[in-house]
Amino acid sequence: MFYLLLDILIYNFTPYLSYFSLLNINNKSYIYNISIALLLDTLITHTLPLNMIWFTILFFSKKYLFKFNYHNFLTYFIFNVSILLLYYVINNILFSSLTLSSIINVLIINSIMIAISYKFNNVIIK
């Protein structure tokens, strides 16, 4: 829930785009992820089924397809950054324009948060 609060604050009060709630896919249950997706859909994006579909696809693909050792920082970082970029690029292609500066902005802000979250969540990463 902390990542959702950070997303709402950063997304609404700064020019930066944050997708910290995608980090919950690593260590939370499916019900928790769907409830976060519903809150994101209703509070931030106002596109009701979109985040629910994304979180479902990402949760089950991580659970059944991507069987990596997420305790390794490089694997954790590359997996989360690739999910973030995939999410951002596809959503921007669907709903708005895509610029290099916005991709770099999203990549820098969210990469810092991914590195910090690895440090704090290393013990509970599944």
N, C-alpha and C. Protein backbone atom coordinates (compact mmCIF):
# COMPACT_ATOMS: atom_id res chain seq x y z
N MET A 1 0.82 -1.19 0.00
CA MET A 1 0.00 0.00 0.00
C MET A 1 0.87 1.26 0.00
N PHE A 2 2.07 1.13 0.53
CA PHE A 2 3.00 2.25 0.56
C PHE A 2 3.36 2.69 -0.86
N TYR A 3 3.58 1.71 -1.76
CA TYR A 3 3.92 2.05 -3.14
C TYR A 3 2.77 2.74 -3.85
N LEU A 4 1.54 2.33 -3.55
CA LEU A 4 0.38 2.99 -4.14
C LEU A 4 0.29 4.44 -3.68
N LEU A 5 0.52 4.68 -2.41
CA LEU A 5 0.50 6.05 -1.90
C LEU A 5 1.59 6.89 -2.56
N LEU A 6 2.77 6.33 -2.71
CA LEU A 6 3.84 7.06 -3.41
C LEU A 6 3.47 7.34 -4.86
N ASP A 7 2.87 6.36 -5.53
CA ASP A 7 2.43 6.56 -6.91
C ASP A 7 1.43 7.70 -7.01
N ILE A 8 0.46 7.72 -6.13
CA ILE A 8 -0.56 8.77 -6.17
C ILE A 8 0.05 10.14 -5.92
N LEU A 9 0.92 10.24 -4.92
CA LEU A 9 1.53 11.53 -4.60
C LEU A 9 2.45 12.01 -5.72
N ILE A 10 3.31 11.15 -6.20
CA ILE A 10 4.26 11.55 -7.24
C ILE A 10 3.55 11.82 -8.56
N TYR A 11 2.60 10.98 -8.90
CA TYR A 11 1.89 11.12 -10.17
C TYR A 11 1.05 12.39 -10.21
N ASN A 12 0.45 12.76 -9.08
CA ASN A 12 -0.45 13.92 -9.05
C ASN A 12 0.24 15.24 -8.76
N PHE A 13 1.34 15.24 -8.02
CA PHE A 13 1.93 16.50 -7.58
C PHE A 13 3.29 16.81 -8.19
N THR A 14 3.80 15.96 -9.05
CA THR A 14 5.07 16.23 -9.71
C THR A 14 4.93 15.92 -11.20
N PRO A 15 5.86 16.38 -12.01
CA PRO A 15 5.79 16.04 -13.44
C PRO A 15 6.32 14.64 -13.76
N TYR A 16 6.77 13.92 -12.75
CA TYR A 16 7.36 12.60 -12.96
C TYR A 16 6.29 11.53 -12.99
N LEU A 17 6.55 10.47 -13.73
CA LEU A 17 5.63 9.34 -13.79
C LEU A 17 6.25 8.18 -13.03
N SER A 18 5.54 7.71 -12.03
CA SER A 18 6.05 6.61 -11.23
C SER A 18 5.13 5.41 -11.36
N TYR A 19 5.73 4.25 -11.36
CA TYR A 19 4.97 2.99 -11.44
C TYR A 19 5.49 2.05 -10.36
N PHE A 20 5.57 2.55 -9.14
CA PHE A 20 6.12 1.77 -8.04
C PHE A 20 5.22 0.60 -7.66
N SER A 21 3.95 0.69 -7.93
CA SER A 21 3.04 -0.38 -7.55
C SER A 21 3.32 -1.66 -8.33
N LEU A 22 4.03 -1.57 -9.45
CA LEU A 22 4.42 -2.79 -10.17
C LEU A 22 5.40 -3.64 -9.37
N LEU A 23 6.05 -3.04 -8.38
CA LEU A 23 6.98 -3.79 -7.55
C LEU A 23 6.25 -4.76 -6.61
N ASN A 24 4.96 -4.57 -6.39
CA ASN A 24 4.20 -5.47 -5.52
C ASN A 24 4.02 -6.85 -6.13
N ILE A 25 4.21 -6.97 -7.41
CA ILE A 25 4.05 -8.26 -8.08
C ILE A 25 5.07 -9.26 -7.55
N ASN A 26 6.20 -8.78 -7.06
CA ASN A 26 7.27 -9.67 -6.60
C ASN A 26 6.96 -10.41 -5.32
N ASN A 27 6.21 -9.79 -4.42
CA ASN A 27 6.10 -10.42 -3.11
C ASN A 27 4.71 -10.36 -2.50
N LYS A 28 3.69 -10.08 -3.28
CA LYS A 28 2.34 -9.99 -2.76
C LYS A 28 1.44 -11.02 -3.45
N SER A 29 0.30 -11.27 -2.85
CA SER A 29 -0.64 -12.25 -3.40
C SER A 29 -1.42 -11.64 -4.58
N TYR A 30 -2.12 -12.51 -5.28
CA TYR A 30 -2.90 -12.08 -6.44
C TYR A 30 -4.04 -11.16 -6.03
N ILE A 31 -4.71 -11.46 -4.94
CA ILE A 31 -5.82 -10.63 -4.47
C ILE A 31 -5.32 -9.23 -4.11
N TYR A 32 -4.19 -9.15 -3.47
CA TYR A 32 -3.60 -7.86 -3.12
C TYR A 32 -3.27 -7.06 -4.38
N ASN A 33 -2.69 -7.72 -5.37
CA ASN A 33 -2.33 -7.05 -6.62
C ASN A 33 -3.57 -6.55 -7.37
N ILE A 34 -4.63 -7.34 -7.38
CA ILE A 34 -5.86 -6.92 -8.06
C ILE A 34 -6.50 -5.74 -7.33
N SER A 35 -6.45 -5.75 -6.00
CA SER A 35 -7.02 -4.62 -5.27
C SER A 35 -6.22 -3.34 -5.52
N ILE A 36 -4.91 -3.44 -5.61
CA ILE A 36 -4.08 -2.28 -5.95
C ILE A 36 -4.40 -1.82 -7.37
N ALA A 37 -4.59 -2.75 -8.29
CA ALA A 37 -4.93 -2.39 -9.67
C ALA A 37 -6.28 -1.67 -9.72
N LEU A 38 -7.23 -2.12 -8.95
CA LEU A 38 -8.53 -1.43 -8.91
C LEU A 38 -8.39 -0.02 -8.36
N LEU A 39 -7.60 0.16 -7.32
CA LEU A 39 -7.37 1.50 -6.78
C LEU A 39 -6.66 2.39 -7.80
N LEU A 40 -5.68 1.85 -8.50
CA LEU A 40 -5.00 2.62 -9.54
C LEU A 40 -5.96 3.00 -10.66
N ASP A 41 -6.80 2.06 -11.05
CA ASP A 41 -7.75 2.33 -12.13
C ASP A 41 -8.76 3.39 -11.74
N THR A 42 -9.21 3.38 -10.51
CA THR A 42 -10.23 4.35 -10.11
C THR A 42 -9.65 5.68 -9.67
N LEU A 43 -8.48 5.70 -9.03
CA LEU A 43 -7.93 6.95 -8.51
C LEU A 43 -7.03 7.70 -9.48
N ILE A 44 -6.25 6.98 -10.27
CA ILE A 44 -5.24 7.66 -11.09
C ILE A 44 -5.61 7.66 -12.57
N THR A 45 -5.77 6.50 -13.16
CA THR A 45 -5.88 6.44 -14.61
C THR A 45 -7.30 6.54 -15.13
N HIS A 46 -8.27 6.15 -14.36
CA HIS A 46 -9.69 6.17 -14.76
C HIS A 46 -9.96 5.32 -16.00
N THR A 47 -9.17 4.28 -16.20
CA THR A 47 -9.41 3.30 -17.25
C THR A 47 -9.60 1.96 -16.55
N LEU A 48 -10.85 1.61 -16.31
CA LEU A 48 -11.15 0.56 -15.35
C LEU A 48 -10.48 -0.79 -15.59
N PRO A 49 -10.59 -1.46 -16.71
CA PRO A 49 -10.02 -2.81 -16.73
C PRO A 49 -8.53 -2.88 -17.06
N LEU A 50 -7.92 -1.79 -17.43
CA LEU A 50 -6.56 -1.84 -17.97
C LEU A 50 -5.53 -2.36 -16.96
N ASN A 51 -5.43 -1.76 -15.80
CA ASN A 51 -4.44 -2.21 -14.82
C ASN A 51 -4.77 -3.59 -14.26
N MET A 52 -6.03 -3.93 -14.17
CA MET A 52 -6.39 -5.28 -13.72
C MET A 52 -5.86 -6.32 -14.71
N ILE A 53 -5.99 -6.04 -15.98
CA ILE A 53 -5.48 -6.96 -17.01
C ILE A 53 -3.96 -7.03 -16.94
N TRP A 54 -3.30 -5.89 -16.84
CA TRP A 54 -1.84 -5.86 -16.75
C TRP A 54 -1.34 -6.62 -15.53
N PHE A 55 -1.92 -6.36 -14.38
CA PHE A 55 -1.44 -7.01 -13.16
C PHE A 55 -1.70 -8.51 -13.21
N THR A 56 -2.80 -8.93 -13.81
CA THR A 56 -3.07 -10.36 -13.93
C THR A 56 -2.04 -11.03 -14.85
N ILE A 57 -1.79 -10.41 -15.99
CA ILE A 57 -0.80 -10.97 -16.92
C ILE A 57 0.59 -11.03 -16.29
N LEU A 58 0.99 -9.95 -15.65
CA LEU A 58 2.32 -9.90 -15.04
C LEU A 58 2.45 -10.86 -13.87
N PHE A 59 1.41 -10.97 -13.06
CA PHE A 59 1.47 -11.86 -11.91
C PHE A 59 1.61 -13.32 -12.34
N PHE A 60 0.77 -13.75 -13.27
CA PHE A 60 0.81 -15.15 -13.68
C PHE A 60 2.02 -15.46 -14.57
N SER A 61 2.49 -14.49 -15.34
CA SER A 61 3.70 -14.75 -16.13
C SER A 61 4.92 -14.87 -15.21
N LYS A 62 4.96 -14.06 -14.15
CA LYS A 62 6.06 -14.19 -13.21
C LYS A 62 5.98 -15.49 -12.44
N LYS A 63 4.78 -15.89 -12.11
CA LYS A 63 4.61 -17.10 -11.31
C LYS A 63 4.89 -18.38 -12.11
N TYR A 64 4.48 -18.41 -13.38
CA TYR A 64 4.59 -19.64 -14.14
C TYR A 64 5.63 -19.62 -15.25
N LEU A 65 5.97 -18.47 -15.80
CA LEU A 65 6.92 -18.43 -16.91
C LEU A 65 8.32 -18.01 -16.50
N PHE A 66 8.43 -16.99 -15.71
CA PHE A 66 9.73 -16.44 -15.36
C PHE A 66 10.20 -16.98 -14.02
N LYS A 67 10.92 -18.07 -14.06
CA LYS A 67 11.42 -18.72 -12.84
C LYS A 67 12.90 -18.37 -12.66
N PHE A 68 13.16 -17.14 -12.27
CA PHE A 68 14.52 -16.68 -12.04
C PHE A 68 14.80 -16.62 -10.55
N ASN A 69 16.07 -16.50 -10.23
CA ASN A 69 16.47 -16.26 -8.85
C ASN A 69 16.42 -14.76 -8.60
N TYR A 70 15.33 -14.29 -8.03
CA TYR A 70 15.14 -12.85 -7.83
C TYR A 70 15.94 -12.32 -6.65
N HIS A 71 16.67 -13.16 -5.94
CA HIS A 71 17.53 -12.68 -4.87
C HIS A 71 18.81 -12.07 -5.43
N ASN A 72 19.12 -12.36 -6.68
CA ASN A 72 20.24 -11.73 -7.37
C ASN A 72 19.80 -10.33 -7.80
N PHE A 73 20.54 -9.31 -7.41
CA PHE A 73 20.14 -7.93 -7.69
C PHE A 73 20.01 -7.66 -9.18
N LEU A 74 20.94 -8.12 -9.98
CA LEU A 74 20.90 -7.84 -11.40
C LEU A 74 19.66 -8.45 -12.05
N THR A 75 19.32 -9.67 -11.69
CA THR A 75 18.12 -10.31 -12.23
C THR A 75 16.87 -9.57 -11.79
N TYR A 76 16.79 -9.22 -10.52
CA TYR A 76 15.66 -8.47 -9.98
C TYR A 76 15.51 -7.13 -10.69
N PHE A 77 16.61 -6.43 -10.86
CA PHE A 77 16.58 -5.11 -11.48
C PHE A 77 16.19 -5.19 -12.94
N ILE A 78 16.81 -6.08 -13.70
CA ILE A 78 16.51 -6.20 -15.13
C ILE A 78 15.07 -6.64 -15.35
N PHE A 79 14.58 -7.59 -14.56
CA PHE A 79 13.20 -8.05 -14.70
C PHE A 79 12.22 -6.90 -14.43
N ASN A 80 12.42 -6.17 -13.35
CA ASN A 80 11.49 -5.09 -13.01
C ASN A 80 11.58 -3.92 -13.97
N VAL A 81 12.75 -3.58 -14.44
CA VAL A 81 12.87 -2.50 -15.41
C VAL A 81 12.24 -2.90 -16.74
N SER A 82 12.42 -4.14 -17.14
CA SER A 82 11.81 -4.57 -18.41
C SER A 82 10.28 -4.59 -18.30
N ILE A 83 9.75 -5.02 -17.17
CA ILE A 83 8.29 -4.98 -16.97
C ILE A 83 7.80 -3.53 -16.99
N LEU A 84 8.52 -2.67 -16.32
CA LEU A 84 8.16 -1.26 -16.28
C LEU A 84 8.17 -0.64 -17.67
N LEU A 85 9.21 -0.88 -18.44
CA LEU A 85 9.29 -0.31 -19.78
C LEU A 85 8.22 -0.89 -20.70
N LEU A 86 7.97 -2.17 -20.60
CA LEU A 86 6.90 -2.79 -21.39
C LEU A 86 5.55 -2.16 -21.06
N TYR A 87 5.27 -2.03 -19.79
CA TYR A 87 4.02 -1.41 -19.33
C TYR A 87 3.90 0.02 -19.83
N TYR A 88 4.95 0.79 -19.68
CA TYR A 88 4.90 2.20 -20.07
C TYR A 88 4.79 2.38 -21.58
N VAL A 89 5.58 1.65 -22.34
CA VAL A 89 5.58 1.81 -23.80
C VAL A 89 4.24 1.39 -24.39
N ILE A 90 3.71 0.26 -23.97
CA ILE A 90 2.44 -0.20 -24.54
C ILE A 90 1.30 0.74 -24.15
N ASN A 91 1.25 1.18 -22.92
CA ASN A 91 0.19 2.11 -22.52
C ASN A 91 0.30 3.45 -23.25
N ASN A 92 1.49 3.93 -23.48
CA ASN A 92 1.63 5.19 -24.20
C ASN A 92 1.33 5.03 -25.68
N ILE A 93 1.61 3.91 -26.26
CA ILE A 93 1.24 3.69 -27.65
C ILE A 93 -0.28 3.64 -27.78
N LEU A 94 -0.95 3.05 -26.78
CA LEU A 94 -2.41 2.97 -26.83
C LEU A 94 -3.09 4.31 -26.57
N PHE A 95 -2.58 5.11 -25.64
CA PHE A 95 -3.32 6.27 -25.18
C PHE A 95 -2.71 7.63 -25.48
N SER A 96 -1.43 7.71 -25.76
CA SER A 96 -0.83 9.02 -26.01
C SER A 96 0.45 8.85 -26.82
N SER A 97 1.21 9.92 -26.90
CA SER A 97 2.45 9.87 -27.66
C SER A 97 3.61 9.38 -26.79
N LEU A 98 4.61 8.89 -27.43
CA LEU A 98 5.77 8.33 -26.75
C LEU A 98 7.01 9.12 -27.16
N THR A 99 7.70 9.69 -26.19
CA THR A 99 8.90 10.46 -26.48
C THR A 99 10.09 9.86 -25.74
N LEU A 100 11.26 10.10 -26.27
CA LEU A 100 12.47 9.58 -25.66
C LEU A 100 12.71 10.20 -24.28
N SER A 101 12.42 11.47 -24.15
CA SER A 101 12.63 12.13 -22.86
C SER A 101 11.71 11.56 -21.78
N SER A 102 10.48 11.22 -22.14
CA SER A 102 9.58 10.63 -21.15
C SER A 102 10.03 9.22 -20.76
N ILE A 103 10.56 8.47 -21.71
CA ILE A 103 11.06 7.13 -21.40
C ILE A 103 12.25 7.23 -20.45
N ILE A 104 13.16 8.15 -20.71
CA ILE A 104 14.33 8.33 -19.84
C ILE A 104 13.90 8.79 -18.46
N ASN A 105 12.94 9.69 -18.39
CA ASN A 105 12.41 10.18 -17.12
C ASN A 105 11.83 9.03 -16.31
N VAL A 106 10.98 8.24 -16.93
CA VAL A 106 10.37 7.09 -16.25
C VAL A 106 11.43 6.08 -15.83
N LEU A 107 12.38 5.84 -16.69
CA LEU A 107 13.42 4.86 -16.40
C LEU A 107 14.28 5.29 -15.22
N ILE A 108 14.67 6.53 -15.15
CA ILE A 108 15.54 6.99 -14.06
C ILE A 108 14.80 6.98 -12.73
N ILE A 109 13.63 7.58 -12.67
CA ILE A 109 12.87 7.67 -11.42
C ILE A 109 12.54 6.27 -10.89
N ASN A 110 12.06 5.40 -11.75
CA ASN A 110 11.64 4.08 -11.31
C ASN A 110 12.82 3.15 -11.05
N SER A 111 13.94 3.35 -11.73
CA SER A 111 15.12 2.52 -11.46
C SER A 111 15.66 2.78 -10.07
N ILE A 112 15.63 4.03 -9.66
CA ILE A 112 16.07 4.35 -8.30
C ILE A 112 15.19 3.66 -7.28
N MET A 113 13.87 3.68 -7.50
CA MET A 113 12.95 3.04 -6.57
C MET A 113 13.10 1.52 -6.59
N ILE A 114 13.38 0.93 -7.74
CA ILE A 114 13.60 -0.51 -7.82
C ILE A 114 14.83 -0.90 -7.01
N ALA A 115 15.90 -0.14 -7.13
CA ALA A 115 17.12 -0.43 -6.36
C ALA A 115 16.87 -0.29 -4.86
N ILE A 116 16.14 0.74 -4.46
CA ILE A 116 15.83 0.92 -3.04
C ILE A 116 14.93 -0.20 -2.54
N SER A 117 13.94 -0.58 -3.33
CA SER A 117 13.03 -1.64 -2.89
C SER A 117 13.73 -2.98 -2.78
N TYR A 118 14.72 -3.23 -3.62
CA TYR A 118 15.47 -4.47 -3.49
C TYR A 118 16.21 -4.51 -2.16
N LYS A 119 16.78 -3.40 -1.79
CA LYS A 119 17.52 -3.34 -0.52
C LYS A 119 16.61 -3.64 0.67
N PHE A 120 15.41 -3.08 0.66
CA PHE A 120 14.50 -3.26 1.79
C PHE A 120 13.72 -4.58 1.74
N ASN A 121 13.47 -5.09 0.53
CA ASN A 121 12.63 -6.29 0.39
C ASN A 121 13.42 -7.55 0.08
N ASN A 122 14.71 -7.51 0.19
CA ASN A 122 15.54 -8.67 -0.15
C ASN A 122 15.16 -9.92 0.63
N VAL A 123 14.77 -9.77 1.84
CA VAL A 123 14.44 -10.91 2.70
C VAL A 123 13.12 -11.56 2.29
N ILE A 124 12.15 -10.78 1.84
CA ILE A 124 10.81 -11.33 1.56
C ILE A 124 10.55 -11.56 0.08
N ILE A 125 11.54 -11.39 -0.79
CA ILE A 125 11.34 -11.64 -2.22
C ILE A 125 11.11 -13.12 -2.44
N LYS A 126 10.05 -13.42 -3.19
CA LYS A 126 9.74 -14.83 -3.49
C LYS A 126 10.31 -15.23 -4.82
